[in-house]
PDB file of N, CA and C in Angstrom:
ATOM      1  N   MET A   1     -30.876 -19.344 -10.317  1.00  0.00           N
ATOM      2  CA  MET A   1     -30.244 -18.069 -10.540  1.00  0.00           C
ATOM      3  C   MET A   1     -29.592 -17.450  -9.252  1.00  0.00           C
ATOM      4  N   GLN A   2     -30.212 -17.548  -8.063  1.00  0.00           N
ATOM      5  CA  GLN A   2     -29.634 -16.947  -6.891  1.00  0.00           C
ATOM      6  C   GLN A   2     -28.426 -17.683  -6.434  1.00  0.00           C
ATOM      7  N   GLU A   3     -28.411 -18.937  -6.772  1.00  0.00           N
ATOM      8  CA  GLU A   3     -27.230 -19.822  -6.322  1.00  0.00           C
ATOM      9  C   GLU A   3     -26.045 -19.413  -7.179  1.00  0.00           C
ATOM     10  N   SER A   4     -26.096 -19.017  -8.376  1.00  0.00           N
ATOM     11  CA  SER A   4     -24.921 -18.711  -9.232  1.00  0.00           C
ATOM     12  C   SER A   4     -24.214 -17.449  -8.862  1.00  0.00           C
ATOM     13  N   ILE A   5     -24.870 -16.494  -8.268  1.00  0.00           N
ATOM     14  CA  ILE A   5     -24.221 -15.277  -7.786  1.00  0.00           C
ATOM     15  C   ILE A   5     -23.258 -15.601  -6.626  1.00  0.00           C
ATOM     16  N   PRO A   6     -23.615 -16.109  -5.476  1.00  0.00           N
ATOM     17  CA  PRO A   6     -22.735 -16.398  -4.481  1.00  0.00           C
ATOM     18  C   PRO A   6     -21.520 -17.369  -4.901  1.00  0.00           C
ATOM     19  N   ALA A   7     -21.846 -18.298  -5.743  1.00  0.00           N
ATOM     20  CA  ALA A   7     -20.909 -19.220  -6.203  1.00  0.00           C
ATOM     21  C   ALA A   7     -19.710 -18.439  -7.153  1.00  0.00           C
ATOM     22  N   ALA A   8     -20.214 -17.418  -7.853  1.00  0.00           N
ATOM     23  CA  ALA A   8     -19.252 -16.631  -8.669  1.00  0.00           C
ATOM     24  C   ALA A   8     -18.457 -15.746  -7.799  1.00  0.00           C
ATOM     25  N   LEU A   9     -19.052 -15.331  -6.591  1.00  0.00           N
ATOM     26  CA  LEU A   9     -18.260 -14.379  -5.701  1.00  0.00           C
ATOM     27  C   LEU A   9     -17.410 -15.132  -4.703  1.00  0.00           C
ATOM     28  N   GLU A  10     -17.556 -16.469  -4.590  1.00  0.00           N
ATOM     29  CA  GLU A  10     -16.873 -17.215  -3.424  1.00  0.00           C
ATOM     30  C   GLU A  10     -15.222 -17.111  -3.582  1.00  0.00           C
ATOM     31  N   PRO A  11     -14.797 -17.148  -4.849  1.00  0.00           N
ATOM     32  CA  PRO A  11     -13.227 -16.989  -4.924  1.00  0.00           C
ATOM     33  C   PRO A  11     -12.803 -15.685  -4.423  1.00  0.00           C
ATOM     34  N   TRP A  12     -13.718 -14.566  -4.383  1.00  0.00           N
ATOM     35  CA  TRP A  12     -13.208 -13.325  -3.953  1.00  0.00           C
ATOM     36  C   TRP A  12     -13.245 -13.104  -2.452  1.00  0.00           C
ATOM     37  N   GLU A  13     -13.711 -14.192  -1.628  1.00  0.00           N
ATOM     38  CA  GLU A  13     -13.891 -13.987  -0.351  1.00  0.00           C
ATOM     39  C   GLU A  13     -12.654 -13.622   0.462  1.00  0.00           C
ATOM     40  N   SER A  14     -11.505 -14.248   0.240  1.00  0.00           N
ATOM     41  CA  SER A  14     -10.247 -14.028   0.905  1.00  0.00           C
ATOM     42  C   SER A  14      -9.714 -12.609   0.461  1.00  0.00           C
ATOM     43  N   PHE A  15      -9.950 -12.257  -0.773  1.00  0.00           N
ATOM     44  CA  PHE A  15      -9.476 -10.881  -1.282  1.00  0.00           C
ATOM     45  C   PHE A  15     -10.207  -9.861  -0.437  1.00  0.00           C
ATOM     46  N   TYR A  16     -11.460  -9.924  -0.212  1.00  0.00           N
ATOM     47  CA  TYR A  16     -12.212  -8.862   0.591  1.00  0.00           C
ATOM     48  C   TYR A  16     -11.828  -8.819   1.991  1.00  0.00           C
ATOM     49  N   VAL A  17     -11.638  -9.978   2.549  1.00  0.00           N
ATOM     50  CA  VAL A  17     -11.198 -10.095   3.932  1.00  0.00           C
ATOM     51  C   VAL A  17      -9.806  -9.365   4.142  1.00  0.00           C
ATOM     52  N   ILE A  18      -8.858  -9.847   3.182  1.00  0.00           N
ATOM     53  CA  ILE A  18      -7.501  -9.092   3.333  1.00  0.00           C
ATOM     54  C   ILE A  18      -7.706  -7.560   3.092  1.00  0.00           C
ATOM     55  N   VAL A  19      -8.311  -7.120   2.100  1.00  0.00           N
ATOM     56  CA  VAL A  19      -8.257  -5.802   1.724  1.00  0.00           C
ATOM     57  C   VAL A  19      -9.187  -4.937   2.769  1.00  0.00           C
ATOM     58  N   GLY A  20     -10.245  -5.481   3.201  1.00  0.00           N
ATOM     59  CA  GLY A  20     -11.004  -4.784   4.143  1.00  0.00           C
ATOM     60  C   GLY A  20     -10.331  -4.605   5.520  1.00  0.00           C
ATOM     61  N   SER A  21      -9.742  -5.549   6.112  1.00  0.00           N
ATOM     62  CA  SER A  21      -9.158  -5.537   7.349  1.00  0.00           C
ATOM     63  C   SER A  21      -7.717  -4.650   7.283  1.00  0.00           C
ATOM     64  N   SER A  22      -7.125  -4.808   6.262  1.00  0.00           N
ATOM     65  CA  SER A  22      -5.830  -4.067   5.963  1.00  0.00           C
ATOM     66  C   SER A  22      -6.128  -2.622   5.793  1.00  0.00           C
ATOM     67  N   ALA A  23      -7.116  -2.318   4.969  1.00  0.00           N
ATOM     68  CA  ALA A  23      -7.529  -0.867   4.787  1.00  0.00           C
ATOM     69  C   ALA A  23      -7.805  -0.226   6.152  1.00  0.00           C
ATOM     70  N   ALA A  24      -8.610  -0.956   7.054  1.00  0.00           N
ATOM     71  CA  ALA A  24      -9.022  -0.331   8.316  1.00  0.00           C
ATOM     72  C   ALA A  24      -7.636  -0.095   9.199  1.00  0.00           C
ATOM     73  N   ALA A  25      -6.715  -1.120   9.083  1.00  0.00           N
ATOM     74  CA  ALA A  25      -5.419  -0.946   9.852  1.00  0.00           C
ATOM     75  C   ALA A  25      -4.640   0.287   9.237  1.00  0.00           C
ATOM     76  N   LEU A  26      -4.629   0.445   8.011  1.00  0.00           N
ATOM     77  CA  LEU A  26      -3.783   1.540   7.398  1.00  0.00           C
ATOM     78  C   LEU A  26      -4.480   2.870   7.649  1.00  0.00           C
ATOM     79  N   THR A  27      -5.823   2.973   7.826  1.00  0.00           N
ATOM     80  CA  THR A  27      -6.419   4.226   8.263  1.00  0.00           C
ATOM     81  C   THR A  27      -5.984   4.557   9.561  1.00  0.00           C
ATOM     82  N   GLY A  28      -5.861   3.591  10.619  1.00  0.00           N
ATOM     83  CA  GLY A  28      -5.410   3.880  11.896  1.00  0.00           C
ATOM     84  C   GLY A  28      -3.929   4.362  11.892  1.00  0.00           C
ATOM     85  N   LEU A  29      -3.175   3.686  11.061  1.00  0.00           N
ATOM     86  CA  LEU A  29      -1.791   3.937  10.933  1.00  0.00           C
ATOM     87  C   LEU A  29      -1.578   5.453  10.496  1.00  0.00           C
ATOM     88  N   GLN A  30      -2.435   5.781   9.558  1.00  0.00           N
ATOM     89  CA  GLN A  30      -2.291   7.269   9.077  1.00  0.00           C
ATOM     90  C   GLN A  30      -2.635   8.227  10.092  1.00  0.00           C
ATOM     91  N   PHE A  31      -3.655   7.844  10.927  1.00  0.00           N
ATOM     92  CA  PHE A  31      -3.987   8.801  12.047  1.00  0.00           C
ATOM     93  C   PHE A  31      -2.804   8.963  13.105  1.00  0.00           C
ATOM     94  N   VAL A  32      -2.177   7.808  13.343  1.00  0.00           N
ATOM     95  CA  VAL A  32      -1.058   7.765  14.261  1.00  0.00           C
ATOM     96  C   VAL A  32       0.143   8.627  13.673  1.00  0.00           C
ATOM     97  N   VAL A  33       0.402   8.421  12.404  1.00  0.00           N
ATOM     98  CA  VAL A  33       1.542   9.194  11.723  1.00  0.00           C
ATOM     99  C   VAL A  33       1.213  10.714  11.838  1.00  0.00           C
ATOM    100  N   ILE A  34      -0.039  10.955  11.464  1.00  0.00           N
ATOM    101  CA  ILE A  34      -0.366  12.469  11.420  1.00  0.00           C
ATOM    102  C   ILE A  34      -0.303  13.008  12.789  1.00  0.00           C
ATOM    103  N   ALA A  35      -0.779  12.275  13.852  1.00  0.00           N
ATOM    104  CA  ALA A  35      -0.714  12.838  15.340  1.00  0.00           C
ATOM    105  C   ALA A  35       0.761  13.022  15.771  1.00  0.00           C
ATOM    106  N   LEU A  36       1.581  12.095  15.388  1.00  0.00           N
ATOM    107  CA  LEU A  36       3.130  12.243  15.729  1.00  0.00           C
ATOM    108  C   LEU A  36       3.691  13.427  14.943  1.00  0.00           C
ATOM    109  N   ILE A  37       3.381  13.612  13.784  1.00  0.00           N
ATOM    110  CA  ILE A  37       3.856  14.748  12.974  1.00  0.00           C
ATOM    111  C   ILE A  37       3.337  16.018  13.616  1.00  0.00           C
ATOM    112  N   ALA A  38       2.112  15.991  13.981  1.00  0.00           N
ATOM    113  CA  ALA A  38       1.509  17.354  14.506  1.00  0.00           C
ATOM    114  C   ALA A  38       2.269  17.546  15.833  1.00  0.00           C
ATOM    115  N   GLU A  39       2.613  16.667  16.686  1.00  0.00           N
ATOM    116  CA  GLU A  39       3.263  16.800  17.911  1.00  0.00           C
ATOM    117  C   GLU A  39       4.549  17.386  17.795  1.00  0.00           C
ATOM    118  N   SER A  40       5.386  16.985  16.720  1.00  0.00           N
ATOM    119  CA  SER A  40       6.679  17.473  16.450  1.00  0.00           C
ATOM    120  C   SER A  40       6.680  18.656  15.542  1.00  0.00           C
ATOM    121  N   SER A  41       6.796  19.750  16.177  1.00  0.00           N
ATOM    122  CA  SER A  41       6.550  21.060  15.448  1.00  0.00           C
ATOM    123  C   SER A  41       7.843  21.324  14.740  1.00  0.00           C
ATOM    124  N   ARG A  42       8.986  20.619  15.058  1.00  0.00           N
ATOM    125  CA  ARG A  42      10.330  20.863  14.214  1.00  0.00           C
ATOM    126  C   ARG A  42      10.266  20.353  12.906  1.00  0.00           C
ATOM    127  N   SER A  43       9.477  19.466  12.580  1.00  0.00           N
ATOM    128  CA  SER A  43       9.439  18.666  11.278  1.00  0.00           C
ATOM    129  C   SER A  43       8.898  19.738  10.223  1.00  0.00           C
ATOM    130  N   THR A  44       9.661  19.668   9.066  1.00  0.00           N
ATOM    131  CA  THR A  44       9.118  20.474   8.025  1.00  0.00           C
ATOM    132  C   THR A  44       8.361  19.633   6.961  1.00  0.00           C
ATOM    133  N   ARG A  45       7.732  20.220   6.000  1.00  0.00           N
ATOM    134  CA  ARG A  45       7.112  19.370   5.031  1.00  0.00           C
ATOM    135  C   ARG A  45       7.997  18.512   4.210  1.00  0.00           C
ATOM    136  N   HIS A  46       9.214  19.057   4.031  1.00  0.00           N
ATOM    137  CA  HIS A  46      10.213  18.202   3.219  1.00  0.00           C
ATOM    138  C   HIS A  46      10.681  17.010   3.957  1.00  0.00           C
ATOM    139  N   GLU A  47      10.823  17.144   5.325  1.00  0.00           N
ATOM    140  CA  GLU A  47      11.313  15.966   6.161  1.00  0.00           C
ATOM    141  C   GLU A  47      10.267  14.910   6.290  1.00  0.00           C
ATOM    142  N   ILE A  48       9.043  15.496   6.366  1.00  0.00           N
ATOM    143  CA  ILE A  48       7.793  14.467   6.398  1.00  0.00           C
ATOM    144  C   ILE A  48       7.818  13.682   4.941  1.00  0.00           C
ATOM    145  N   GLY A  49       8.041  14.430   3.846  1.00  0.00           N
ATOM    146  CA  GLY A  49       8.041  13.746   2.556  1.00  0.00           C
ATOM    147  C   GLY A  49       9.067  12.753   2.311  1.00  0.00           C
ATOM    148  N   ALA A  50      10.249  13.113   2.957  1.00  0.00           N
ATOM    149  CA  ALA A  50      11.361  12.195   2.937  1.00  0.00           C
ATOM    150  C   ALA A  50      11.446  10.985   3.852  1.00  0.00           C
ATOM    151  N   PHE A  51      10.814  11.145   5.020  1.00  0.00           N
ATOM    152  CA  PHE A  51      10.877  10.079   5.985  1.00  0.00           C
ATOM    153  C   PHE A  51       9.621   9.555   6.541  1.00  0.00           C
ATOM    154  N   GLY A  52       8.541  10.415   6.508  1.00  0.00           N
ATOM    155  CA  GLY A  52       7.247   9.935   7.072  1.00  0.00           C
ATOM    156  C   GLY A  52       6.372   9.201   6.092  1.00  0.00           C
ATOM    157  N   THR A  53       6.263   9.901   4.850  1.00  0.00           N
ATOM    158  CA  THR A  53       5.413   9.230   3.834  1.00  0.00           C
ATOM    159  C   THR A  53       5.856   8.001   3.327  1.00  0.00           C
ATOM    160  N   PRO A  54       7.073   7.615   3.163  1.00  0.00           N
ATOM    161  CA  PRO A  54       7.424   6.407   2.588  1.00  0.00           C
ATOM    162  C   PRO A  54       6.970   5.284   3.559  1.00  0.00           C
ATOM    163  N   THR A  55       6.934   5.433   4.873  1.00  0.00           N
ATOM    164  CA  THR A  55       6.432   4.320   5.710  1.00  0.00           C
ATOM    165  C   THR A  55       5.101   3.931   5.381  1.00  0.00           C
ATOM    166  N   VAL A  56       4.116   4.921   5.227  1.00  0.00           N
ATOM    167  CA  VAL A  56       2.750   4.691   4.851  1.00  0.00           C
ATOM    168  C   VAL A  56       2.738   4.003   3.413  1.00  0.00           C
ATOM    169  N   VAL A  57       3.531   4.482   2.449  1.00  0.00           N
ATOM    170  CA  VAL A  57       3.605   3.988   1.155  1.00  0.00           C
ATOM    171  C   VAL A  57       3.987   2.577   1.235  1.00  0.00           C
ATOM    172  N   HIS A  58       5.042   2.175   2.068  1.00  0.00           N
ATOM    173  CA  HIS A  58       5.370   0.732   2.091  1.00  0.00           C
ATOM    174  C   HIS A  58       4.261  -0.130   2.626  1.00  0.00           C
ATOM    175  N   PHE A  59       3.521   0.317   3.658  1.00  0.00           N
ATOM    176  CA  PHE A  59       2.412  -0.462   4.112  1.00  0.00           C
ATOM    177  C   PHE A  59       1.373  -0.525   2.999  1.00  0.00           C
ATOM    178  N   CYS A  60       1.061   0.478   2.273  1.00  0.00           N
ATOM    179  CA  CYS A  60       0.098   0.309   1.253  1.00  0.00           C
ATOM    180  C   CYS A  60       0.659  -0.601   0.175  1.00  0.00           C
ATOM    181  N   ALA A  61       1.877  -0.634  -0.154  1.00  0.00           N
ATOM    182  CA  ALA A  61       2.429  -1.499  -1.081  1.00  0.00           C
ATOM    183  C   ALA A  61       2.276  -3.064  -0.672  1.00  0.00           C
ATOM    184  N   VAL A  62       2.515  -3.340   0.538  1.00  0.00           N
ATOM    185  CA  VAL A  62       2.222  -4.640   1.116  1.00  0.00           C
ATOM    186  C   VAL A  62       0.691  -5.046   0.914  1.00  0.00           C
ATOM    187  N   LEU A  63      -0.156  -4.158   1.146  1.00  0.00           N
ATOM    188  CA  LEU A  63      -1.511  -4.294   0.997  1.00  0.00           C
ATOM    189  C   LEU A  63      -1.885  -4.590  -0.492  1.00  0.00           C
ATOM    190  N   LEU A  64      -1.275  -3.727  -1.432  1.00  0.00           N
ATOM    191  CA  LEU A  64      -1.500  -4.050  -2.810  1.00  0.00           C
ATOM    192  C   LEU A  64      -0.984  -5.419  -3.303  1.00  0.00           C
ATOM    193  N   ILE A  65       0.177  -5.818  -2.818  1.00  0.00           N
ATOM    194  CA  ILE A  65       0.735  -7.176  -3.068  1.00  0.00           C
ATOM    195  C   ILE A  65      -0.300  -8.246  -2.593  1.00  0.00           C
ATOM    196  N   ALA A  66      -0.706  -8.197  -1.384  1.00  0.00           N
ATOM    197  CA  ALA A  66      -1.633  -9.064  -0.793  1.00  0.00           C
ATOM    198  C   ALA A  66      -2.975  -9.213  -1.603  1.00  0.00           C
ATOM    199  N   ALA A  67      -3.391  -7.997  -2.074  1.00  0.00           N
ATOM    200  CA  ALA A  67      -4.536  -8.014  -2.808  1.00  0.00           C
ATOM    201  C   ALA A  67      -4.427  -8.684  -4.229  1.00  0.00           C
ATOM    202  N   ILE A  68      -3.173  -8.412  -4.804  1.00  0.00           N
ATOM    203  CA  ILE A  68      -2.902  -8.975  -6.214  1.00  0.00           C
ATOM    204  C   ILE A  68      -2.885 -10.536  -6.002  1.00  0.00           C
ATOM    205  N   LEU A  69      -2.225 -11.019  -4.967  1.00  0.00           N
ATOM    206  CA  LEU A  69      -1.915 -12.451  -4.897  1.00  0.00           C
ATOM    207  C   LEU A  69      -3.208 -13.149  -4.376  1.00  0.00           C
ATOM    208  N   SER A  70      -4.071 -12.476  -3.660  1.00  0.00           N
ATOM    209  CA  SER A  70      -5.290 -13.111  -3.264  1.00  0.00           C
ATOM    210  C   SER A  70      -6.486 -12.969  -4.242  1.00  0.00           C
ATOM    211  N   SER A  71      -6.302 -12.329  -5.390  1.00  0.00           N
ATOM    212  CA  SER A  71      -7.389 -12.231  -6.490  1.00  0.00           C
ATOM    213  C   SER A  71      -7.411 -13.548  -7.087  1.00  0.00           C
ATOM    214  N   PRO A  72      -8.618 -13.891  -7.597  1.00  0.00           N
ATOM    215  CA  PRO A  72      -8.656 -15.201  -8.268  1.00  0.00           C
ATOM    216  C   PRO A  72      -8.425 -14.814  -9.943  1.00  0.00           C
ATOM    217  N   TRP A  73      -7.151 -14.988 -10.213  1.00  0.00           N
ATOM    218  CA  TRP A  73      -6.746 -14.618 -11.551  1.00  0.00           C
ATOM    219  C   TRP A  73      -7.135 -15.876 -12.500  1.00  0.00           C
ATOM    220  N   ASP A  74      -7.405 -15.554 -13.897  1.00  0.00           N
ATOM    221  CA  ASP A  74      -7.607 -16.639 -14.797  1.00  0.00           C
ATOM    222  C   ASP A  74      -6.235 -17.308 -15.130  1.00  0.00           C
ATOM    223  N   ARG A  75      -5.210 -16.426 -15.247  1.00  0.00           N
ATOM    224  CA  ARG A  75      -3.874 -17.071 -15.515  1.00  0.00           C
ATOM    225  C   ARG A  75      -2.873 -16.485 -14.567  1.00  0.00           C
ATOM    226  N   LEU A  76      -1.780 -17.290 -14.283  1.00  0.00           N
ATOM    227  CA  LEU A  76      -0.839 -16.733 -13.293  1.00  0.00           C
ATOM    228  C   LEU A  76       0.081 -15.741 -13.885  1.00  0.00           C
ATOM    229  N   THR A  77       0.103 -15.673 -15.157  1.00  0.00           N
ATOM    230  CA  THR A  77       0.880 -14.742 -15.781  1.00  0.00           C
ATOM    231  C   THR A  77       0.347 -13.168 -15.513  1.00  0.00           C
ATOM    232  N   SER A  78      -0.940 -13.099 -15.450  1.00  0.00           N
ATOM    233  CA  SER A  78      -1.576 -11.781 -15.233  1.00  0.00           C
ATOM    234  C   SER A  78      -1.172 -11.311 -13.728  1.00  0.00           C
ATOM    235  N   ALA A  79      -1.218 -12.263 -12.807  1.00  0.00           N
ATOM    236  CA  ALA A  79      -0.729 -11.846 -11.424  1.00  0.00           C
ATOM    237  C   ALA A  79       0.751 -11.524 -11.524  1.00  0.00           C
ATOM    238  N   GLY A  80       1.547 -12.130 -12.335  1.00  0.00           N
ATOM    239  CA  GLY A  80       2.946 -11.879 -12.393  1.00  0.00           C
ATOM    240  C   GLY A  80       3.329 -10.493 -13.001  1.00  0.00           C
ATOM    241  N   ILE A  81       2.404 -10.090 -14.007  1.00  0.00           N
ATOM    242  CA  ILE A  81       2.537  -8.819 -14.581  1.00  0.00           C
ATOM    243  C   ILE A  81       2.222  -7.770 -13.679  1.00  0.00           C
ATOM    244  N   ALA A  82       1.135  -7.948 -12.897  1.00  0.00           N
ATOM    245  CA  ALA A  82       0.591  -7.010 -11.890  1.00  0.00           C
ATOM    246  C   ALA A  82       1.770  -6.771 -10.842  1.00  0.00           C
ATOM    247  N   ILE A  83       2.364  -7.844 -10.399  1.00  0.00           N
ATOM    248  CA  ILE A  83       3.381  -7.751  -9.394  1.00  0.00           C
ATOM    249  C   ILE A  83       4.682  -7.044  -9.889  1.00  0.00           C
ATOM    250  N   GLY A  84       4.974  -7.375 -11.209  1.00  0.00           N
ATOM    251  CA  GLY A  84       6.091  -6.688 -11.876  1.00  0.00           C
ATOM    252  C   GLY A  84       5.884  -5.240 -12.014  1.00  0.00           C
ATOM    253  N   LEU A  85       4.683  -4.821 -12.361  1.00  0.00           N
ATOM    254  CA  LEU A  85       4.381  -3.361 -12.427  1.00  0.00           C
ATOM    255  C   LEU A  85       4.406  -2.599 -11.124  1.00  0.00           C
ATOM    256  N   ALA A  86       3.880  -3.407 -10.040  1.00  0.00           N
ATOM    257  CA  ALA A  86       3.995  -2.760  -8.840  1.00  0.00           C
ATOM    258  C   ALA A  86       5.383  -2.643  -8.326  1.00  0.00           C
ATOM    259  N   GLY A  87       6.244  -3.639  -8.584  1.00  0.00           N
ATOM    260  CA  GLY A  87       7.687  -3.588  -8.250  1.00  0.00           C
ATOM    261  C   GLY A  87       8.449  -2.464  -9.009  1.00  0.00           C
ATOM    262  N   ALA A  88       8.104  -2.173 -10.267  1.00  0.00           N
ATOM    263  CA  ALA A  88       8.669  -1.155 -11.088  1.00  0.00           C
ATOM    264  C   ALA A  88       8.299   0.233 -10.526  1.00  0.00           C
ATOM    265  N   ALA A  89       7.024   0.320 -10.103  1.00  0.00           N
ATOM    266  CA  ALA A  89       6.526   1.591  -9.538  1.00  0.00           C
ATOM    267  C   ALA A  89       7.281   1.828  -8.150  1.00  0.00           C
ATOM    268  N   GLY A  90       7.464   0.739  -7.446  1.00  0.00           N
ATOM    269  CA  GLY A  90       8.134   0.774  -6.195  1.00  0.00           C
ATOM    270  C   GLY A  90       9.613   1.263  -6.412  1.00  0.00           C
ATOM    271  N   PHE A  91      10.190   0.737  -7.369  1.00  0.00           N
ATOM    272  CA  PHE A  91      11.575   1.095  -7.596  1.00  0.00           C
ATOM    273  C   PHE A  91      11.798   2.669  -8.025  1.00  0.00           C
ATOM    274  N   LEU A  92      10.843   3.035  -8.760  1.00  0.00           N
ATOM    275  CA  LEU A  92      10.803   4.479  -9.111  1.00  0.00           C
ATOM    276  C   LEU A  92      10.530   5.398  -7.838  1.00  0.00           C
ATOM    277  N   TYR A  93       9.665   4.914  -6.972  1.00  0.00           N
ATOM    278  CA  TYR A  93       9.298   5.686  -5.721  1.00  0.00           C
ATOM    279  C   TYR A  93      10.552   5.655  -4.946  1.00  0.00           C
ATOM    280  N   ALA A  94      11.295   4.524  -4.784  1.00  0.00           N
ATOM    281  CA  ALA A  94      12.459   4.475  -3.919  1.00  0.00           C
ATOM    282  C   ALA A  94      13.638   5.503  -4.412  1.00  0.00           C
ATOM    283  N   ILE A  95      13.703   5.636  -5.749  1.00  0.00           N
ATOM    284  CA  ILE A  95      14.528   6.762  -6.228  1.00  0.00           C
ATOM    285  C   ILE A  95      14.262   8.168  -5.768  1.00  0.00           C
ATOM    286  N   ILE A  96      12.886   8.275  -5.934  1.00  0.00           N
ATOM    287  CA  ILE A  96      12.374   9.736  -5.465  1.00  0.00           C
ATOM    288  C   ILE A  96      12.742   9.911  -4.007  1.00  0.00           C
ATOM    289  N   VAL A  97      12.394   8.916  -3.167  1.00  0.00           N
ATOM    290  CA  VAL A  97      12.669   8.967  -1.678  1.00  0.00           C
ATOM    291  C   VAL A  97      14.113   9.251  -1.327  1.00  0.00           C
ATOM    292  N   ILE A  98      14.967   8.494  -2.153  1.00  0.00           N
ATOM    293  CA  ILE A  98      16.386   8.746  -1.803  1.00  0.00           C
ATOM    294  C   ILE A  98      16.781  10.121  -2.149  1.00  0.00           C
ATOM    295  N   ARG A  99      16.321  10.648  -3.266  1.00  0.00           N
ATOM    296  CA  ARG A  99      16.616  12.001  -3.658  1.00  0.00           C
ATOM    297  C   ARG A  99      16.209  13.044  -2.555  1.00  0.00           C
ATOM    298  N   ARG A 100      14.908  12.761  -2.012  1.00  0.00           N
ATOM    299  CA  ARG A 100      14.403  13.668  -1.010  1.00  0.00           C
ATOM    300  C   ARG A 100      15.212  13.507   0.214  1.00  0.00           C
ATOM    301  N   ALA A 101      15.666  12.334   0.599  1.00  0.00           N
ATOM    302  CA  ALA A 101      16.391  12.067   1.780  1.00  0.00           C
ATOM    303  C   ALA A 101      17.791  12.732   1.870  1.00  0.00           C
ATOM    304  N   ARG A 102      18.407  12.816   0.618  1.00  0.00           N
ATOM    305  CA  ARG A 102      19.699  13.398   0.546  1.00  0.00           C
ATOM    306  C   ARG A 102      19.626  14.822   0.477  1.00  0.00           C
ATOM    307  N   ARG A 103      18.543  15.583   0.320  1.00  0.00           N
ATOM    308  CA  ARG A 103      18.378  16.930   0.342  1.00  0.00           C
ATOM    309  C   ARG A 103      18.128  17.451   1.776  1.00  0.00           C
ATOM    310  N   GLN A 104      17.860  16.571   2.614  1.00  0.00           N
ATOM    311  CA  GLN A 104      17.495  16.991   4.122  1.00  0.00           C
ATOM    312  C   GLN A 104      18.808  17.480   4.815  1.00  0.00           C
ATOM    313  N   LYS A 105      18.468  18.497   5.734  1.00  0.00           N
ATOM    314  CA  LYS A 105      19.485  18.935   6.488  1.00  0.00           C
ATOM    315  C   LYS A 105      19.181  18.820   8.057  1.00  0.00           C
ATOM    316  N   GLY A 106      17.829  18.481   8.299  1.00  0.00           N
ATOM    317  CA  GLY A 106      17.338  18.333   9.571  1.00  0.00           C
ATOM    318  C   GLY A 106      17.512  16.873  10.079  1.00  0.00           C
TER     319      GLY A 106
END
């Protein structure tokens, strides 16, 4: 019985390595971004939303794609659907960011 549990979790090993190390790196990146924003007193909330936040979102999107591709899927079409949904969400977010960037005066 105890041998079946590690065998069932073995395909997930690379998934947890990728997600765990990348999540730690993203946490550090967020601290750097927040520190840079706090230093720059001229930045407004709208400018940060238009130019600062998309950088963190792009790093998170790369992490999501890596997690999807390293997951042990039963069928390849399931991974394709997940990647397609992530791409559609990214496209919608890109439209939002473009609208925010065009409104900026700073």
